[in-house]
PDB file of N, CA and C in Angstrom:
ATOM      1  N   UNK A   1     -12.591 -54.792-111.838  1.00  0.00           N
ATOM      2  CA  UNK A   1     -11.916 -53.448-111.843  1.00  0.00           C
ATOM      3  C   UNK A   1     -12.334 -52.438-111.843  1.00  0.00           C
ATOM      4  N   UNK A   2     -13.480 -52.081-111.476  1.00  0.00           N
ATOM      5  CA  UNK A   2     -13.993 -50.381-112.084  1.00  0.00           C
ATOM      6  C   UNK A   2     -13.756 -50.165-110.434  1.00  0.00           C
ATOM      7  N   UNK A   3     -13.542 -50.920-109.374  1.00  0.00           N
ATOM      8  CA  UNK A   3     -13.319 -49.807-108.291  1.00  0.00           C
ATOM      9  C   UNK A   3     -11.470 -50.656-108.058  1.00  0.00           C
ATOM     10  N   UNK A   4     -11.202 -50.649-108.661  1.00  0.00           N
ATOM     11  CA  UNK A   4      -9.654 -50.362-108.776  1.00  0.00           C
ATOM     12  C   UNK A   4      -9.049 -48.953-109.423  1.00  0.00           C
ATOM     13  N   UNK A   5      -9.884 -48.739-110.369  1.00  0.00           N
ATOM     14  CA  UNK A   5     -10.179 -47.347-111.435  1.00  0.00           C
ATOM     15  C   UNK A   5     -10.469 -46.251-110.196  1.00  0.00           C
ATOM     16  N   UNK A   6     -11.655 -47.160-109.422  1.00  0.00           N
ATOM     17  CA  UNK A   6     -11.937 -45.922-108.625  1.00  0.00           C
ATOM     18  C   UNK A   6     -11.232 -45.331-106.946  1.00  0.00           C
ATOM     19  N   UNK A   7     -10.524 -46.650-106.818  1.00  0.00           N
ATOM     20  CA  UNK A   7      -9.489 -46.063-105.580  1.00  0.00           C
ATOM     21  C   UNK A   7      -8.598 -45.359-106.762  1.00  0.00           C
ATOM     22  N   UNK A   8      -7.941 -45.534-107.862  1.00  0.00           N
ATOM     23  CA  UNK A   8      -6.736 -45.111-108.009  1.00  0.00           C
ATOM     24  C   UNK A   8      -7.155 -42.661-108.806  1.00  0.00           C
ATOM     25  N   UNK A   9      -8.467 -43.044-109.271  1.00  0.00           N
ATOM     26  CA  UNK A   9      -9.232 -42.323-109.810  1.00  0.00           C
ATOM     27  C   UNK A   9      -9.133 -41.615-108.263  1.00  0.00           C
ATOM     28  N   UNK A  10      -9.636 -41.834-106.427  1.00  0.00           N
ATOM     29  CA  UNK A  10      -9.300 -40.996-105.710  1.00  0.00           C
ATOM     30  C   UNK A  10      -7.847 -40.186-105.588  1.00  0.00           C
ATOM     31  N   UNK A  11      -7.336 -41.306-105.299  1.00  0.00           N
ATOM     32  CA  UNK A  11      -5.729 -41.367-105.070  1.00  0.00           C
ATOM     33  C   UNK A  11      -5.452 -40.410-106.402  1.00  0.00           C
ATOM     34  N   UNK A  12      -5.497 -40.093-107.079  1.00  0.00           N
ATOM     35  CA  UNK A  12      -5.075 -39.284-108.424  1.00  0.00           C
ATOM     36  C   UNK A  12      -5.694 -37.622-108.059  1.00  0.00           C
ATOM     37  N   UNK A  13      -6.730 -37.836-107.174  1.00  0.00           N
ATOM     38  CA  UNK A  13      -7.371 -36.415-107.342  1.00  0.00           C
ATOM     39  C   UNK A  13      -7.143 -35.890-106.128  1.00  0.00           C
ATOM     40  N   UNK A  14      -6.539 -36.767-104.623  1.00  0.00           N
ATOM     41  CA  UNK A  14      -6.529 -36.090-103.668  1.00  0.00           C
ATOM     42  C   UNK A  14      -4.759 -36.050-103.827  1.00  0.00           C
ATOM     43  N   UNK A  15      -3.772 -36.450-104.748  1.00  0.00           N
ATOM     44  CA  UNK A  15      -2.771 -35.949-104.702  1.00  0.00           C
ATOM     45  C   UNK A  15      -2.905 -35.035-105.440  1.00  0.00           C
ATOM     46  N   UNK A  16      -3.349 -34.423-106.651  1.00  0.00           N
ATOM     47  CA  UNK A  16      -3.869 -33.158-107.387  1.00  0.00           C
ATOM     48  C   UNK A  16      -3.786 -32.070-106.185  1.00  0.00           C
ATOM     49  N   UNK A  17      -4.931 -32.188-105.538  1.00  0.00           N
ATOM     50  CA  UNK A  17      -5.740 -31.366-104.069  1.00  0.00           C
ATOM     51  C   UNK A  17      -4.506 -30.703-103.879  1.00  0.00           C
ATOM     52  N   UNK A  18      -3.554 -32.152-102.998  1.00  0.00           N
ATOM     53  CA  UNK A  18      -2.107 -31.772-102.350  1.00  0.00           C
ATOM     54  C   UNK A  18      -1.021 -30.271-102.945  1.00  0.00           C
ATOM     55  N   UNK A  19      -1.075 -30.713-104.235  1.00  0.00           N
ATOM     56  CA  UNK A  19      -0.219 -30.207-104.879  1.00  0.00           C
ATOM     57  C   UNK A  19      -0.344 -28.878-105.629  1.00  0.00           C
ATOM     58  N   UNK A  20      -1.181 -28.656-105.721  1.00  0.00           N
ATOM     59  CA  UNK A  20      -2.226 -27.451-105.557  1.00  0.00           C
ATOM     60  C   UNK A  20      -2.395 -26.696-103.761  1.00  0.00           C
ATOM     61  N   UNK A  21      -2.766 -27.169-103.603  1.00  0.00           N
ATOM     62  CA  UNK A  21      -2.166 -26.354-101.935  1.00  0.00           C
ATOM     63  C   UNK A  21      -0.671 -26.051-101.403  1.00  0.00           C
ATOM     64  N   UNK A  22      -0.053 -27.015-101.512  1.00  0.00           N
ATOM     65  CA  UNK A  22       1.499 -26.651-101.559  1.00  0.00           C
ATOM     66  C   UNK A  22       1.901 -25.565-102.458  1.00  0.00           C
ATOM     67  N   UNK A  23       2.006 -25.733-103.344  1.00  0.00           N
ATOM     68  CA  UNK A  23       1.890 -24.134-104.253  1.00  0.00           C
ATOM     69  C   UNK A  23       1.656 -23.282-104.259  1.00  0.00           C
ATOM     70  N   UNK A  24       0.276 -23.112-103.527  1.00  0.00           N
ATOM     71  CA  UNK A  24      -0.652 -21.933-103.291  1.00  0.00           C
ATOM     72  C   UNK A  24       0.008 -21.722-101.905  1.00  0.00           C
ATOM     73  N   UNK A  25       0.086 -22.783-100.904  1.00  0.00           N
ATOM     74  CA  UNK A  25       1.871 -22.087 -99.698  1.00  0.00           C
ATOM     75  C   UNK A  25       3.056 -21.563-100.403  1.00  0.00           C
ATOM     76  N   UNK A  26       3.548 -22.007-101.347  1.00  0.00           N
ATOM     77  CA  UNK A  26       5.245 -22.163-101.684  1.00  0.00           C
ATOM     78  C   UNK A  26       4.757 -20.874-101.929  1.00  0.00           C
ATOM     79  N   UNK A  27       3.449 -20.091-103.537  1.00  0.00           N
ATOM     80  CA  UNK A  27       3.801 -18.340-104.270  1.00  0.00           C
ATOM     81  C   UNK A  27       3.318 -17.532-102.554  1.00  0.00           C
ATOM     82  N   UNK A  28       2.510 -17.462-101.463  1.00  0.00           N
ATOM     83  CA  UNK A  28       1.970 -16.897-100.454  1.00  0.00           C
ATOM     84  C   UNK A  28       3.109 -16.940 -99.604  1.00  0.00           C
ATOM     85  N   UNK A  29       4.100 -17.444 -99.420  1.00  0.00           N
ATOM     86  CA  UNK A  29       5.172 -17.184 -98.123  1.00  0.00           C
ATOM     87  C   UNK A  29       6.580 -17.025 -99.702  1.00  0.00           C
ATOM     88  N   UNK A  30       6.541 -16.718-100.675  1.00  0.00           N
ATOM     89  CA  UNK A  30       7.907 -15.901-101.096  1.00  0.00           C
ATOM     90  C   UNK A  30       7.389 -14.736-101.604  1.00  0.00           C
ATOM     91  N   UNK A  31       5.961 -14.334-101.366  1.00  0.00           N
ATOM     92  CA  UNK A  31       5.592 -13.297-101.848  1.00  0.00           C
ATOM     93  C   UNK A  31       5.544 -12.728-100.623  1.00  0.00           C
ATOM     94  N   UNK A  32       5.311 -12.788 -99.615  1.00  0.00           N
ATOM     95  CA  UNK A  32       6.109 -12.201 -98.126  1.00  0.00           C
ATOM     96  C   UNK A  32       7.290 -12.479 -97.973  1.00  0.00           C
ATOM     97  N   UNK A  33       8.250 -13.336 -98.289  1.00  0.00           N
ATOM     98  CA  UNK A  33       9.566 -12.960 -98.248  1.00  0.00           C
ATOM     99  C   UNK A  33      10.068 -11.276 -99.323  1.00  0.00           C
ATOM    100  N   UNK A  34       9.650 -11.318-100.416  1.00  0.00           N
ATOM    101  CA  UNK A  34       9.602 -10.423-101.158  1.00  0.00           C
ATOM    102  C   UNK A  34       9.661  -9.336-100.410  1.00  0.00           C
ATOM    103  N   UNK A  35       7.941  -9.240 -99.915  1.00  0.00           N
ATOM    104  CA  UNK A  35       8.149  -7.923 -98.970  1.00  0.00           C
ATOM    105  C   UNK A  35       8.618  -7.620 -97.044  1.00  0.00           C
ATOM    106  N   UNK A  36       9.130  -9.034 -96.434  1.00  0.00           N
ATOM    107  CA  UNK A  36      10.446  -8.736 -95.684  1.00  0.00           C
ATOM    108  C   UNK A  36      11.299  -8.201 -96.358  1.00  0.00           C
ATOM    109  N   UNK A  37      12.238  -8.815 -97.723  1.00  0.00           N
ATOM    110  CA  UNK A  37      13.286  -8.018 -98.268  1.00  0.00           C
ATOM    111  C   UNK A  37      12.966  -6.717 -98.577  1.00  0.00           C
ATOM    112  N   UNK A  38      12.054  -6.160 -98.927  1.00  0.00           N
ATOM    113  CA  UNK A  38      11.995  -4.506 -98.786  1.00  0.00           C
ATOM    114  C   UNK A  38      12.010  -4.198 -98.527  1.00  0.00           C
ATOM    115  N   UNK A  39      11.171  -4.602 -97.171  1.00  0.00           N
ATOM    116  CA  UNK A  39      11.662  -3.632 -95.906  1.00  0.00           C
ATOM    117  C   UNK A  39      12.367  -4.195 -95.412  1.00  0.00           C
ATOM    118  N   UNK A  40      13.527  -4.113 -95.695  1.00  0.00           N
ATOM    119  CA  UNK A  40      14.486  -4.371 -95.196  1.00  0.00           C
ATOM    120  C   UNK A  40      15.886  -3.609 -95.043  1.00  0.00           C
ATOM    121  N   UNK A  41      15.427  -3.472 -97.101  1.00  0.00           N
ATOM    122  CA  UNK A  41      16.072  -2.866 -97.628  1.00  0.00           C
ATOM    123  C   UNK A  41      15.592  -0.691 -97.427  1.00  0.00           C
ATOM    124  N   UNK A  42      14.343  -1.069 -96.770  1.00  0.00           N
ATOM    125  CA  UNK A  42      13.615   0.464 -96.197  1.00  0.00           C
ATOM    126  C   UNK A  42      14.681   1.229 -95.190  1.00  0.00           C
ATOM    127  N   UNK A  43      14.075  -0.416 -94.172  1.00  0.00           N
ATOM    128  CA  UNK A  43      14.993   0.261 -92.783  1.00  0.00           C
ATOM    129  C   UNK A  43      16.644   0.491 -93.363  1.00  0.00           C
ATOM    130  N   UNK A  44      17.415  -0.030 -94.539  1.00  0.00           N
ATOM    131  CA  UNK A  44      18.658  -0.695 -94.424  1.00  0.00           C
ATOM    132  C   UNK A  44      19.094   1.641 -94.876  1.00  0.00           C
ATOM    133  N   UNK A  45      18.326   2.212 -95.848  1.00  0.00           N
ATOM    134  CA  UNK A  45      17.684   3.174 -96.342  1.00  0.00           C
ATOM    135  C   UNK A  45      17.625   4.032 -94.941  1.00  0.00           C
ATOM    136  N   UNK A  46      16.526   3.773 -94.272  1.00  0.00           N
ATOM    137  CA  UNK A  46      16.663   5.103 -93.544  1.00  0.00           C
ATOM    138  C   UNK A  46      17.474   5.061 -92.294  1.00  0.00           C
ATOM    139  N   UNK A  47      17.648   3.372 -92.598  1.00  0.00           N
ATOM    140  CA  UNK A  47      19.181   4.088 -90.853  1.00  0.00           C
ATOM    141  C   UNK A  47      20.565   4.558 -91.304  1.00  0.00           C
ATOM    142  N   UNK A  48      20.749   4.199 -92.701  1.00  0.00           N
ATOM    143  CA  UNK A  48      21.792   6.040 -93.395  1.00  0.00           C
ATOM    144  C   UNK A  48      21.275   6.749 -93.228  1.00  0.00           C
ATOM    145  N   UNK A  49      20.364   7.094 -93.343  1.00  0.00           N
ATOM    146  CA  UNK A  49      19.403   8.378 -92.832  1.00  0.00           C
ATOM    147  C   UNK A  49      19.869   9.045 -91.555  1.00  0.00           C
ATOM    148  N   UNK A  50      19.565   8.602 -90.490  1.00  0.00           N
ATOM    149  CA  UNK A  50      18.930   8.782 -89.553  1.00  0.00           C
ATOM    150  C   UNK A  50      20.774   8.338 -88.565  1.00  0.00           C
ATOM    151  N   UNK A  51      22.036   8.048 -90.063  1.00  0.00           N
ATOM    152  CA  UNK A  51      23.073   7.926 -89.184  1.00  0.00           C
ATOM    153  C   UNK A  51      23.497   9.374 -89.671  1.00  0.00           C
ATOM    154  N   UNK A  52      23.099  10.643 -91.229  1.00  0.00           N
ATOM    155  CA  UNK A  52      23.973  11.375 -91.678  1.00  0.00           C
ATOM    156  C   UNK A  52      23.616  12.244 -90.779  1.00  0.00           C
ATOM    157  N   UNK A  53      21.492  11.923 -89.709  1.00  0.00           N
ATOM    158  CA  UNK A  53      21.604  13.326 -89.292  1.00  0.00           C
ATOM    159  C   UNK A  53      22.414  13.220 -87.664  1.00  0.00           C
ATOM    160  N   UNK A  54      22.229  11.976 -87.187  1.00  0.00           N
ATOM    161  CA  UNK A  54      23.278  12.563 -86.105  1.00  0.00           C
ATOM    162  C   UNK A  54      24.860  12.883 -85.932  1.00  0.00           C
ATOM    163  N   UNK A  55      25.779  12.446 -87.399  1.00  0.00           N
ATOM    164  CA  UNK A  55      27.052  13.107 -87.391  1.00  0.00           C
ATOM    165  C   UNK A  55      27.002  14.566 -87.426  1.00  0.00           C
ATOM    166  N   UNK A  56      25.318  14.900 -88.343  1.00  0.00           N
ATOM    167  CA  UNK A  56      25.097  16.496 -88.769  1.00  0.00           C
ATOM    168  C   UNK A  56      25.070  17.220 -87.159  1.00  0.00           C
ATOM    169  N   UNK A  57      23.899  16.726 -86.689  1.00  0.00           N
ATOM    170  CA  UNK A  57      23.903  17.370 -84.953  1.00  0.00           C
ATOM    171  C   UNK A  57      24.851  17.593 -84.268  1.00  0.00           C
ATOM    172  N   UNK A  58      25.230  16.332 -84.274  1.00  0.00           N
ATOM    173  CA  UNK A  58      26.782  16.375 -83.755  1.00  0.00           C
ATOM    174  C   UNK A  58      28.429  16.833 -84.145  1.00  0.00           C
ATOM    175  N   UNK A  59      28.012  17.181 -85.463  1.00  0.00           N
ATOM    176  CA  UNK A  59      29.137  18.205 -85.651  1.00  0.00           C
ATOM    177  C   UNK A  59      29.982  19.195 -84.415  1.00  0.00           C
ATOM    178  N   UNK A  60      31.290  19.239 -84.557  1.00  0.00           N
ATOM    179  CA  UNK A  60      31.969  20.378 -83.484  1.00  0.00           C
ATOM    180  C   UNK A  60      31.577  21.551 -83.004  1.00  0.00           C
ATOM    181  N   UNK A  61      31.353  22.211 -84.420  1.00  0.00           N
ATOM    182  CA  UNK A  61      31.279  24.059 -85.458  1.00  0.00           C
ATOM    183  C   UNK A  61      29.578  24.045 -84.650  1.00  0.00           C
ATOM    184  N   UNK A  62      28.652  22.782 -85.327  1.00  0.00           N
ATOM    185  CA  UNK A  62      27.853  23.016 -84.504  1.00  0.00           C
ATOM    186  C   UNK A  62      27.644  23.413 -83.220  1.00  0.00           C
ATOM    187  N   UNK A  63      28.096  22.139 -82.604  1.00  0.00           N
ATOM    188  CA  UNK A  63      28.221  22.764 -80.736  1.00  0.00           C
ATOM    189  C   UNK A  63      28.340  23.566 -80.125  1.00  0.00           C
ATOM    190  N   UNK A  64      29.827  24.124 -80.910  1.00  0.00           N
ATOM    191  CA  UNK A  64      29.883  25.298 -79.913  1.00  0.00           C
ATOM    192  C   UNK A  64      29.551  26.184 -80.395  1.00  0.00           C
ATOM    193  N   UNK A  65      28.561  26.567 -81.951  1.00  0.00           N
ATOM    194  CA  UNK A  65      27.536  27.364 -82.119  1.00  0.00           C
ATOM    195  C   UNK A  65      26.702  28.058 -80.779  1.00  0.00           C
ATOM    196  N   UNK A  66      25.992  26.351 -80.573  1.00  0.00           N
ATOM    197  CA  UNK A  66      24.908  26.360 -80.074  1.00  0.00           C
ATOM    198  C   UNK A  66      25.278  26.988 -78.450  1.00  0.00           C
ATOM    199  N   UNK A  67      27.030  26.829 -77.655  1.00  0.00           N
ATOM    200  CA  UNK A  67      26.453  26.421 -76.488  1.00  0.00           C
ATOM    201  C   UNK A  67      27.090  28.033 -76.448  1.00  0.00           C
ATOM    202  N   UNK A  68      27.419  28.748 -77.800  1.00  0.00           N
ATOM    203  CA  UNK A  68      28.281  30.137 -77.980  1.00  0.00           C
ATOM    204  C   UNK A  68      26.963  30.738 -77.690  1.00  0.00           C
ATOM    205  N   UNK A  69      25.431  30.374 -78.786  1.00  0.00           N
ATOM    206  CA  UNK A  69      24.570  31.712 -78.839  1.00  0.00           C
ATOM    207  C   UNK A  69      23.745  31.300 -77.657  1.00  0.00           C
ATOM    208  N   UNK A  70      23.181  30.189 -77.211  1.00  0.00           N
ATOM    209  CA  UNK A  70      22.191  29.698 -76.384  1.00  0.00           C
ATOM    210  C   UNK A  70      23.158  30.518 -75.074  1.00  0.00           C
ATOM    211  N   UNK A  71      23.991  29.273 -73.808  1.00  0.00           N
ATOM    212  CA  UNK A  71      24.646  29.258 -73.448  1.00  0.00           C
ATOM    213  C   UNK A  71      25.913  30.369 -72.993  1.00  0.00           C
ATOM    214  N   UNK A  72      25.943  31.652 -74.107  1.00  0.00           N
ATOM    215  CA  UNK A  72      26.720  32.451 -73.875  1.00  0.00           C
ATOM    216  C   UNK A  72      27.758  31.839 -73.234  1.00  0.00           C
ATOM    217  N   UNK A  73      28.875  30.802 -73.461  1.00  0.00           N
ATOM    218  CA  UNK A  73      29.746  30.130 -73.327  1.00  0.00           C
ATOM    219  C   UNK A  73      30.759  30.652 -74.347  1.00  0.00           C
ATOM    220  N   UNK A  74      32.246  30.469 -73.772  1.00  0.00           N
ATOM    221  CA  UNK A  74      33.497  31.099 -74.649  1.00  0.00           C
ATOM    222  C   UNK A  74      34.414  30.305 -74.018  1.00  0.00           C
ATOM    223  N   UNK A  75      35.031  29.991 -76.083  1.00  0.00           N
ATOM    224  CA  UNK A  75      36.447  29.450 -75.413  1.00  0.00           C
ATOM    225  C   UNK A  75      37.617  30.137 -75.337  1.00  0.00           C
ATOM    226  N   UNK A  76      37.949  29.213 -73.695  1.00  0.00           N
ATOM    227  CA  UNK A  76      39.208  29.893 -73.328  1.00  0.00           C
ATOM    228  C   UNK A  76      40.197  29.960 -73.777  1.00  0.00           C
ATOM    229  N   UNK A  77      40.682  31.556 -73.673  1.00  0.00           N
ATOM    230  CA  UNK A  77      42.517  31.563 -74.317  1.00  0.00           C
ATOM    231  C   UNK A  77      43.415  30.721 -73.725  1.00  0.00           C
ATOM    232  N   UNK A  78      44.487  30.732 -74.602  1.00  0.00           N
ATOM    233  CA  UNK A  78      44.424  29.245 -74.188  1.00  0.00           C
ATOM    234  C   UNK A  78      45.754  29.407 -72.492  1.00  0.00           C
ATOM    235  N   UNK A  79      46.373  30.932 -72.370  1.00  0.00           N
ATOM    236  CA  UNK A  79      46.595  31.149 -70.809  1.00  0.00           C
ATOM    237  C   UNK A  79      46.150  30.130 -70.033  1.00  0.00           C
ATOM    238  N   UNK A  80      44.939  30.700 -70.178  1.00  0.00           N
ATOM    239  CA  UNK A  80      43.954  30.441 -69.079  1.00  0.00           C
ATOM    240  C   UNK A  80      43.602  28.779 -68.591  1.00  0.00           C
ATOM    241  N   UNK A  81      43.651  27.206 -69.619  1.00  0.00           N
ATOM    242  CA  UNK A  81      43.296  26.362 -70.386  1.00  0.00           C
ATOM    243  C   UNK A  81      44.367  25.479 -69.184  1.00  0.00           C
ATOM    244  N   UNK A  82      43.915  25.100 -67.836  1.00  0.00           N
ATOM    245  CA  UNK A  82      45.108  24.231 -67.117  1.00  0.00           C
ATOM    246  C   UNK A  82      44.645  22.549 -66.823  1.00  0.00           C
ATOM    247  N   UNK A  83      45.872  21.710 -67.868  1.00  0.00           N
ATOM    248  CA  UNK A  83      45.352  20.130 -68.044  1.00  0.00           C
ATOM    249  C   UNK A  83      45.715  19.909 -66.775  1.00  0.00           C
ATOM    250  N   UNK A  84      44.655  19.094 -66.045  1.00  0.00           N
ATOM    251  CA  UNK A  84      44.816  17.743 -64.896  1.00  0.00           C
ATOM    252  C   UNK A  84      44.856  16.848 -65.140  1.00  0.00           C
ATOM    253  N   UNK A  85      45.769  15.474 -65.246  1.00  0.00           N
ATOM    254  CA  UNK A  85      46.536  14.594 -65.504  1.00  0.00           C
ATOM    255  C   UNK A  85      45.750  13.525 -64.585  1.00  0.00           C
ATOM    256  N   UNK A  86      45.194  12.656 -64.029  1.00  0.00           N
ATOM    257  CA  UNK A  86      45.109  11.876 -62.927  1.00  0.00           C
ATOM    258  C   UNK A  86      45.661  11.953 -62.029  1.00  0.00           C
ATOM    259  N   UNK A  87      46.788  10.913 -61.699  1.00  0.00           N
ATOM    260  CA  UNK A  87      47.834  10.680 -61.284  1.00  0.00           C
ATOM    261  C   UNK A  87      48.903  12.355 -60.538  1.00  0.00           C
ATOM    262  N   UNK A  88      48.561  13.655 -60.448  1.00  0.00           N
ATOM    263  CA  UNK A  88      48.652  14.150 -59.992  1.00  0.00           C
ATOM    264  C   UNK A  88      48.940  14.494 -58.723  1.00  0.00           C
ATOM    265  N   UNK A  89      50.280  14.718 -58.235  1.00  0.00           N
ATOM    266  CA  UNK A  89      50.116  15.217 -56.799  1.00  0.00           C
ATOM    267  C   UNK A  89      50.214  16.515 -56.115  1.00  0.00           C
ATOM    268  N   UNK A  90      49.573  17.226 -55.246  1.00  0.00           N
ATOM    269  CA  UNK A  90      49.396  18.357 -55.217  1.00  0.00           C
ATOM    270  C   UNK A  90      50.595  19.279 -54.976  1.00  0.00           C
TER     271      UNK A  90
END
């Protein structure tokens, strides 16, 4: 009878160690999941900021101002603008 009790006790110890190990792994994975979700939220915020910055840099008025100041370009008069179509015949 003592031999059976000893075997059952060993099985109990091994099972308890398995439960502890699986709980530890589960907690580590949950912490990693939370960190990845926090990083994803931060990337979403950064993406929004970059889109806002891009739209600011590409504003028509800003481009026109830079073309005027740095490149000394000016908008032509309406009389000087000629629209060319793709299928135009000379």
